[in-house]
């Protein structure tokens, strides 16, 4: 009897919190001809494709720095007493939507989800990986989860079984929650490389300061990156101005995901030469004093500069420390190059410098030649400076 009373109270609470049903798969698309990035918003249980997000669409559409971003506010049926799809089926529905997006247009994507919508998004990711479509997910730069019950909902636990299939999936011990957790750990979280069945995707979980619906523990789950924002479970995604923390989080993550052209200008008094692969290094190449390297990525991209050195008499490569470039920070990288301590006068050394992406692929490669000279200082070293700069699309957002 006590259990039934608790269930009735919970049912009444749901009516208070979610008094409008989303009965259709609605969409609101802000599209521009020159856009290169897509941000997709997915609502939660009994939410709405527009009502859930308050002023987000209006504010984001007016941002000068986001003029090359399209916005899709995506909805799906979610009603309390009517037969709707299970969360996994909604994930399949979203997967179909994703498959038919004009992906050739977009270089990067960000997925933003609230409450149960985060489970829809995660289910879509896992289904794509199980189907061997990991490469198609490579453009997803970030996922933001607002108040998502990643470990299930303690409120859903109190509802009788079979009242609503979505509530059943939301229960902490449901097969859906346990399978989703296991698959995410195996296919997204604890992986060593990206392939068609595995894909690392950065995730930020966001906890509402006064969220009484989803516990902080469930929202954080095993995800390492968590932010805390203003409001309760519903007002946390309804910014009333552009200074609202949730709005700042979304705007920042979208900016970090915009396509960026990294430009590295390598200037040195040493001889510089482009090389590819295992080119024969026995002959001195035609020298230049500048090499320009252009890298396509985003502020979430990570590139590493790896310098290795070989001298004629040392006969082996000596590797230097990696230097990582990311987060769109304007900086100068200094690399110490030059003669090996094994060199004798009038000999030479060769520094092979590689630009490596996060998947350990060589993006670009060039060489710096150091020629022996008795007039050099005893340490026989030179330093080159590599200024890292970004294209104008990012400058307004710094």
Protein backbone atom coordinates (compact mmCIF):
# COMPACT_ATOMS: atom_id res chain seq x y z
CA UNK A 1 0.00 0.00 0.00
CA UNK A 2 2.83 2.37 0.89
CA UNK A 3 4.61 1.53 -2.38
CA UNK A 4 1.42 2.30 -4.35
CA UNK A 5 1.05 5.67 -2.58
CA UNK A 6 4.63 6.61 -3.47
CA UNK A 7 3.97 5.67 -7.09
CA UNK A 8 0.84 7.84 -7.18
CA UNK A 9 2.80 10.77 -5.72
CA UNK A 10 5.52 10.31 -8.32
CA UNK A 11 2.91 10.18 -11.06
CA UNK A 12 1.45 13.46 -9.79
CA UNK A 13 4.96 14.94 -9.70
CA UNK A 14 5.48 14.05 -13.34
CA UNK A 15 2.29 15.90 -14.25
CA UNK A 16 3.54 18.95 -12.37
CA UNK A 17 6.93 18.91 -14.02
CA UNK A 18 5.96 17.74 -17.53
CA UNK A 19 2.47 19.02 -18.19
CA UNK A 20 2.83 19.12 -22.00
CA UNK A 21 3.37 16.08 -24.20
CA UNK A 22 5.58 16.03 -27.28
CA UNK A 23 3.42 14.04 -29.67
CA UNK A 24 5.34 14.39 -32.93
CA UNK A 25 8.83 14.25 -34.38
CA UNK A 26 9.22 18.00 -34.80
CA UNK A 27 12.22 19.89 -36.19
CA UNK A 28 13.31 23.49 -36.28
CA UNK A 29 16.27 24.14 -38.58
CA UNK A 30 18.31 27.35 -38.77
CA UNK A 31 20.31 26.87 -41.96
CA UNK A 32 22.80 29.08 -43.77
CA UNK A 33 24.38 28.55 -47.18
CA UNK A 34 28.01 28.91 -46.05
CA UNK A 35 27.81 26.95 -42.78
CA UNK A 36 30.52 24.43 -41.95
CA UNK A 37 29.35 23.36 -38.47
CA UNK A 38 26.08 21.86 -37.22
CA UNK A 39 24.82 22.02 -33.63
CA UNK A 40 21.95 19.62 -32.82
CA UNK A 41 19.70 19.99 -29.75
CA UNK A 42 17.71 16.98 -28.42
CA UNK A 43 15.09 17.37 -25.67
CA UNK A 44 14.21 14.98 -22.87
CA UNK A 45 11.22 13.04 -21.49
CA UNK A 46 7.97 14.83 -22.43
CA UNK A 47 9.97 17.82 -23.57
CA UNK A 48 9.65 19.82 -26.75
CA UNK A 49 12.07 20.54 -29.60
CA UNK A 50 11.76 24.31 -28.94
CA UNK A 51 10.05 24.84 -25.57
CA UNK A 52 12.70 22.83 -23.70
CA UNK A 53 15.51 25.15 -24.84
CA UNK A 54 13.98 28.55 -24.00
CA UNK A 55 15.93 31.37 -25.68
CA UNK A 56 18.80 29.24 -27.01
CA UNK A 57 17.70 29.46 -30.67
CA UNK A 58 17.20 33.24 -30.55
CA UNK A 59 20.49 33.97 -28.78
CA UNK A 60 22.68 31.64 -30.83
CA UNK A 61 21.24 32.86 -34.13
CA UNK A 62 22.38 36.41 -33.31
CA UNK A 63 25.99 35.54 -32.45
CA UNK A 64 28.46 37.04 -34.96
CA UNK A 65 31.00 34.33 -34.22
CA UNK A 66 28.49 31.61 -35.09
CA UNK A 67 27.41 32.83 -38.52
CA UNK A 68 28.86 29.68 -40.09
CA UNK A 69 26.90 27.37 -37.78
CA UNK A 70 23.57 25.68 -38.55
CA UNK A 71 21.25 24.75 -35.67
CA UNK A 72 18.86 21.80 -35.63
CA UNK A 73 16.35 21.52 -32.76
CA UNK A 74 15.14 17.93 -33.05
CA UNK A 75 12.08 16.41 -31.40
CA UNK A 76 10.44 13.01 -30.98
CA UNK A 77 7.16 11.67 -29.49
CA UNK A 78 7.26 11.28 -25.71
CA UNK A 79 3.94 10.97 -23.85
CA UNK A 80 3.02 9.55 -20.48
CA UNK A 81 -0.05 7.38 -21.16
CA UNK A 82 0.28 6.73 -24.87
CA UNK A 83 2.36 4.07 -26.55
CA UNK A 84 5.64 5.60 -27.73
CA UNK A 85 9.02 4.33 -28.81
CA UNK A 86 11.57 2.98 -26.34
CA UNK A 87 14.71 5.07 -25.90
CA UNK A 88 16.77 2.73 -28.10
CA UNK A 89 14.18 3.05 -30.88
CA UNK A 90 14.33 6.83 -30.63
CA UNK A 91 18.11 6.50 -30.96
CA UNK A 92 17.55 4.56 -34.20
CA UNK A 93 15.19 7.32 -35.35
CA UNK A 94 17.88 9.93 -34.63
CA UNK A 95 20.43 7.75 -36.43
CA UNK A 96 18.26 7.88 -39.56
CA UNK A 97 18.05 11.66 -39.22
CA UNK A 98 21.84 11.81 -38.92
CA UNK A 99 22.34 9.54 -41.95
CA UNK A 100 20.40 11.94 -44.16
CA UNK A 101 22.04 15.16 -43.02
CA UNK A 102 24.11 16.91 -45.73
CA UNK A 103 27.35 15.74 -44.09
CA UNK A 104 29.48 16.87 -47.04
CA UNK A 105 28.51 20.41 -46.07
CA UNK A 106 29.69 20.09 -42.47
CA UNK A 107 33.25 19.78 -41.23
CA UNK A 108 32.26 19.53 -37.56
CA UNK A 109 29.22 18.81 -35.39
CA UNK A 110 28.22 19.33 -31.74
CA UNK A 111 25.39 17.41 -30.05
CA UNK A 112 23.58 19.06 -27.11
CA UNK A 113 21.02 17.03 -25.14
CA UNK A 114 18.81 17.45 -22.09
CA UNK A 115 17.71 14.73 -19.67
CA UNK A 116 16.51 11.58 -21.50
CA UNK A 117 17.65 13.18 -24.77
CA UNK A 118 21.23 12.49 -23.70
CA UNK A 119 20.44 8.77 -23.54
CA UNK A 120 18.93 9.04 -27.03
CA UNK A 121 22.16 10.60 -28.32
CA UNK A 122 24.38 8.05 -26.58
CA UNK A 123 22.21 5.20 -27.91
CA UNK A 124 22.59 6.60 -31.44
CA UNK A 125 26.40 6.66 -31.04
CA UNK A 126 26.52 3.04 -29.83
CA UNK A 127 24.19 1.78 -32.56
CA UNK A 128 26.36 3.48 -35.19
CA UNK A 129 29.50 1.85 -33.78
CA UNK A 130 27.89 -1.59 -33.59
CA UNK A 131 26.97 -1.16 -37.26
CA UNK A 132 30.61 -0.37 -38.10
CA UNK A 133 29.99 3.31 -38.91
CA UNK A 134 32.60 4.82 -36.62
CA UNK A 135 34.20 6.83 -39.42
CA UNK A 136 30.88 8.63 -40.01
CA UNK A 137 31.02 9.89 -36.41
CA UNK A 138 34.44 11.53 -36.86
CA UNK A 139 32.91 14.98 -37.41
CA UNK A 140 31.25 14.98 -33.98
CA UNK A 141 33.61 17.18 -31.99
CA UNK A 142 31.73 17.30 -28.69
CA UNK A 143 28.64 16.06 -26.83
CA UNK A 144 27.09 18.18 -24.05
CA UNK A 145 24.74 16.38 -21.64
CA UNK A 146 22.48 18.61 -19.45
CA UNK A 147 20.98 16.81 -16.47
CA UNK A 148 21.13 13.40 -18.15
CA UNK A 149 20.39 10.34 -15.96
CA UNK A 150 23.38 8.41 -17.28
CA UNK A 151 23.08 5.88 -14.43
CA UNK A 152 19.28 5.89 -14.51
CA UNK A 153 16.64 7.78 -12.54
CA UNK A 154 15.72 7.07 -8.92
CA UNK A 155 12.30 8.65 -9.59
CA UNK A 156 11.65 6.24 -12.47
CA UNK A 157 12.44 3.36 -10.09
CA UNK A 158 9.30 4.18 -8.10
CA UNK A 159 6.88 3.85 -10.99
CA UNK A 160 5.09 0.55 -11.63
CA UNK A 161 6.42 -1.54 -14.49
CA UNK A 162 4.82 -1.22 -17.93
CA UNK A 163 3.21 2.14 -17.19
CA UNK A 164 5.45 3.70 -19.84
CA UNK A 165 8.26 2.06 -21.86
CA UNK A 166 10.46 5.16 -21.65
CA UNK A 167 10.12 5.28 -17.85
CA UNK A 168 11.01 1.57 -17.74
CA UNK A 169 14.20 2.28 -19.72
CA UNK A 170 15.06 5.13 -17.33
CA UNK A 171 15.14 2.87 -14.26
CA UNK A 172 18.57 2.47 -12.67
CA UNK A 173 18.67 -1.32 -13.11
CA UNK A 174 17.06 -1.42 -16.55
CA UNK A 175 18.64 -3.50 -19.29
CA UNK A 176 18.87 -0.37 -21.43
CA UNK A 177 20.93 1.59 -18.86
CA UNK A 178 23.30 -1.29 -18.05
CA UNK A 179 23.88 -2.19 -21.73
CA UNK A 180 24.42 1.45 -22.69
CA UNK A 181 26.99 1.90 -19.92
CA UNK A 182 28.91 -1.25 -20.87
CA UNK A 183 28.92 -0.46 -24.59
CA UNK A 184 30.01 3.13 -24.02
CA UNK A 185 32.93 2.05 -21.86
CA UNK A 186 33.97 -0.63 -24.38
CA UNK A 187 33.46 1.38 -27.59
CA UNK A 188 33.97 5.05 -26.67
CA UNK A 189 35.59 5.55 -23.27
CA UNK A 190 38.33 2.94 -22.80
CA UNK A 191 39.74 2.58 -26.30
CA UNK A 192 43.24 2.88 -27.73
CA UNK A 193 42.39 3.77 -31.33
CA UNK A 194 39.56 4.98 -33.52
CA UNK A 195 38.17 2.60 -36.12
CA UNK A 196 34.79 1.70 -37.57
CA UNK A 197 33.70 0.03 -34.31
CA UNK A 198 35.29 2.45 -31.81
CA UNK A 199 35.38 6.24 -31.59
CA UNK A 200 36.59 8.62 -28.88
CA UNK A 201 34.20 11.56 -28.57
CA UNK A 202 34.68 14.29 -25.92
CA UNK A 203 31.71 14.54 -23.52
CA UNK A 204 30.86 17.25 -21.01
CA UNK A 205 28.17 16.50 -18.42
CA UNK A 206 26.37 19.49 -16.91
CA UNK A 207 24.69 19.37 -13.50
CA UNK A 208 21.96 21.81 -12.43
CA UNK A 209 22.72 23.51 -9.12
CA UNK A 210 19.15 22.86 -7.90
CA UNK A 211 18.28 19.76 -9.95
CA UNK A 212 15.87 17.63 -7.87
CA UNK A 213 15.04 15.24 -10.72
CA UNK A 214 18.42 13.78 -11.74
CA UNK A 215 21.02 13.24 -9.04
CA UNK A 216 24.50 14.67 -9.48
CA UNK A 217 25.96 11.16 -9.22
CA UNK A 218 23.81 9.87 -12.09
CA UNK A 219 24.51 12.91 -14.27
CA UNK A 220 28.28 12.66 -13.75
CA UNK A 221 28.40 8.85 -13.94
CA UNK A 222 31.90 7.80 -15.15
CA UNK A 223 32.42 10.88 -17.35
CA UNK A 224 35.47 12.89 -16.21
CA UNK A 225 34.46 16.36 -17.47
CA UNK A 226 31.62 17.95 -15.50
CA UNK A 227 30.34 21.52 -15.25
CA UNK A 228 27.79 22.93 -12.80
CA UNK A 229 25.21 25.45 -13.97
CA UNK A 230 22.39 27.65 -12.68
CA UNK A 231 18.85 26.42 -12.20
CA UNK A 232 16.87 23.24 -11.62
CA UNK A 233 16.31 20.35 -14.00
CA UNK A 234 14.23 22.47 -16.37
CA UNK A 235 15.47 26.04 -16.00
CA UNK A 236 19.08 24.90 -16.47
CA UNK A 237 18.45 24.83 -20.24
CA UNK A 238 16.35 28.00 -20.39
CA UNK A 239 18.86 30.89 -20.39
CA UNK A 240 17.27 34.25 -19.63
CA UNK A 241 20.31 36.12 -20.92
CA UNK A 242 23.63 35.47 -22.61
CA UNK A 243 25.46 35.44 -19.28
CA UNK A 244 23.64 32.31 -18.14
CA UNK A 245 26.23 29.61 -17.46
CA UNK A 246 24.50 27.02 -19.66
CA UNK A 247 24.51 29.41 -22.59
CA UNK A 248 28.21 30.15 -22.06
CA UNK A 249 29.01 26.42 -21.94
CA UNK A 250 27.17 25.70 -25.20
CA UNK A 251 28.58 28.72 -27.02
CA UNK A 252 32.15 27.91 -25.93
CA UNK A 253 31.94 24.25 -26.97
CA UNK A 254 30.52 25.19 -30.37
CA UNK A 255 33.30 27.74 -30.91
CA UNK A 256 35.90 25.16 -29.93
CA UNK A 257 34.45 22.83 -32.57
CA UNK A 258 34.52 25.31 -35.48
CA UNK A 259 36.81 24.33 -38.36
CA UNK A 260 40.22 25.96 -37.90
CA UNK A 261 43.18 26.37 -40.19
CA UNK A 262 46.38 26.08 -38.16
CA UNK A 263 49.29 27.87 -39.81
CA UNK A 264 52.83 27.06 -38.68
CA UNK A 265 55.57 29.31 -40.06
CA UNK A 266 58.94 27.63 -39.56
CA UNK A 267 61.76 30.15 -39.93
CA UNK A 268 65.35 29.17 -39.33
CA UNK A 269 68.84 30.10 -40.44
CA UNK A 270 69.46 26.40 -40.89
CA UNK A 271 68.60 24.76 -44.20
CA UNK A 272 65.01 23.55 -44.42
CA UNK A 273 63.62 20.99 -46.83
CA UNK A 274 60.30 19.21 -47.33
CA UNK A 275 60.59 15.43 -47.03
CA UNK A 276 58.18 12.56 -47.37
CA UNK A 277 58.49 9.09 -45.92
CA UNK A 278 61.87 7.39 -46.19
CA UNK A 279 63.43 9.76 -48.68
CA UNK A 280 67.15 9.21 -49.25
CA UNK A 281 68.90 11.58 -46.87
CA UNK A 282 72.44 10.93 -48.05
CA UNK A 283 72.49 13.97 -50.30
CA UNK A 284 72.26 17.55 -49.18
CA UNK A 285 68.95 18.95 -50.54
CA UNK A 286 68.21 22.29 -52.05
CA UNK A 287 67.74 24.45 -48.99
CA UNK A 288 65.14 27.02 -47.97
CA UNK A 289 64.82 29.22 -44.90
CA UNK A 290 61.02 28.99 -44.44
CA UNK A 291 58.52 26.13 -44.39
CA UNK A 292 54.79 26.80 -44.02
CA UNK A 293 52.62 24.00 -42.70
CA UNK A 294 48.81 24.27 -42.84
CA UNK A 295 46.67 21.96 -40.71
CA UNK A 296 42.88 21.62 -40.85
CA UNK A 297 41.22 20.92 -37.53
CA UNK A 298 39.27 22.57 -34.73
CA UNK A 299 40.04 23.92 -31.28
CA UNK A 300 39.39 20.39 -30.04
CA UNK A 301 42.03 18.98 -32.38
CA UNK A 302 45.35 17.87 -30.98
CA UNK A 303 48.50 17.91 -33.08
CA UNK A 304 51.96 17.01 -31.86
CA UNK A 305 55.32 18.19 -33.10
CA UNK A 306 57.83 15.39 -32.92
CA UNK A 307 61.49 16.14 -33.68
CA UNK A 308 64.03 13.38 -34.30
CA UNK A 309 67.73 13.86 -35.01
CA UNK A 310 70.31 11.86 -36.89
CA UNK A 311 73.95 12.65 -37.59
CA UNK A 312 76.19 10.86 -40.05
CA UNK A 313 78.57 9.59 -37.45
CA UNK A 314 75.97 8.87 -34.72
CA UNK A 315 74.04 6.69 -37.16
CA UNK A 316 70.75 6.61 -35.29
CA UNK A 317 67.66 8.70 -34.64
CA UNK A 318 67.24 10.43 -31.28
CA UNK A 319 63.67 11.49 -30.48
CA UNK A 320 62.75 14.70 -28.67
CA UNK A 321 59.78 15.43 -26.43
CA UNK A 322 56.35 15.89 -28.01
CA UNK A 323 54.78 19.34 -28.02
CA UNK A 324 50.96 19.40 -28.19
CA UNK A 325 48.98 22.08 -30.01
CA UNK A 326 45.30 22.47 -29.16
CA UNK A 327 42.58 24.69 -27.67
CA UNK A 328 43.23 27.45 -30.22
CA UNK A 329 45.80 29.22 -28.10
CA UNK A 330 48.11 31.66 -29.83
CA UNK A 331 51.59 30.60 -28.93
CA UNK A 332 55.16 30.16 -30.12
CA UNK A 333 56.82 26.76 -30.11
CA UNK A 334 60.58 26.73 -29.76
CA UNK A 335 62.49 23.66 -30.89
CA UNK A 336 66.18 23.20 -30.18
CA UNK A 337 67.83 21.71 -33.23
CA UNK A 338 71.29 21.34 -34.60
CA UNK A 339 74.46 19.35 -34.35
CA UNK A 340 74.62 16.16 -32.43
CA UNK A 341 77.19 15.98 -29.61
CA UNK A 342 78.78 13.16 -31.63
CA UNK A 343 79.49 15.43 -34.59
CA UNK A 344 82.91 16.55 -35.67
CA UNK A 345 83.69 19.81 -37.44
CA UNK A 346 82.48 20.16 -41.02
CA UNK A 347 79.99 17.34 -40.59
CA UNK A 348 76.21 17.60 -40.60
CA UNK A 349 73.09 16.47 -38.75
CA UNK A 350 69.51 16.12 -39.92
CA UNK A 351 66.43 16.95 -37.84
CA UNK A 352 63.23 15.31 -39.04
CA UNK A 353 60.17 17.14 -37.73
CA UNK A 354 56.75 15.50 -37.94
CA UNK A 355 53.30 16.96 -37.31
CA UNK A 356 51.15 14.16 -35.88
CA UNK A 357 47.39 14.18 -35.23
CA UNK A 358 45.59 12.57 -32.28
CA UNK A 359 45.23 9.31 -34.21
CA UNK A 360 49.03 9.21 -34.67
CA UNK A 361 48.85 9.87 -38.39
CA UNK A 362 51.62 12.01 -39.89
CA UNK A 363 49.93 15.16 -41.18
CA UNK A 364 53.08 16.86 -42.46
CA UNK A 365 56.82 16.35 -42.32
CA UNK A 366 59.89 18.42 -43.07
CA UNK A 367 63.59 18.41 -42.35
CA UNK A 368 66.12 20.85 -40.92
CA UNK A 369 69.75 20.37 -41.93
CA UNK A 370 72.59 21.49 -39.69
CA UNK A 371 76.00 21.76 -41.31
CA UNK A 372 79.17 21.47 -39.25
CA UNK A 373 81.07 24.75 -38.78
CA UNK A 374 84.17 25.32 -36.62
CA UNK A 375 83.00 28.86 -35.85
CA UNK A 376 79.94 27.60 -33.94
CA UNK A 377 79.61 27.86 -30.21
CA UNK A 378 80.77 24.81 -28.25
CA UNK A 379 77.26 23.47 -27.63
CA UNK A 380 76.63 23.48 -31.40
CA UNK A 381 72.87 24.02 -31.07
CA UNK A 382 70.37 26.26 -32.78
CA UNK A 383 66.78 27.13 -31.92
CA UNK A 384 63.93 27.62 -34.36
CA UNK A 385 60.68 29.37 -33.46
CA UNK A 386 57.34 28.19 -34.78
CA UNK A 387 54.51 30.72 -34.26
CA UNK A 388 51.11 28.99 -34.14
CA UNK A 389 48.28 31.08 -35.61
CA UNK A 390 44.66 30.51 -36.59
CA UNK A 391 42.36 31.76 -39.30
CA UNK A 392 40.06 34.79 -38.87
CA UNK A 393 36.98 32.64 -38.20
CA UNK A 394 38.24 32.03 -34.68
CA UNK A 395 39.76 35.41 -33.84
CA UNK A 396 36.46 37.07 -32.87
CA UNK A 397 35.85 34.32 -30.32
CA UNK A 398 39.15 34.58 -28.48
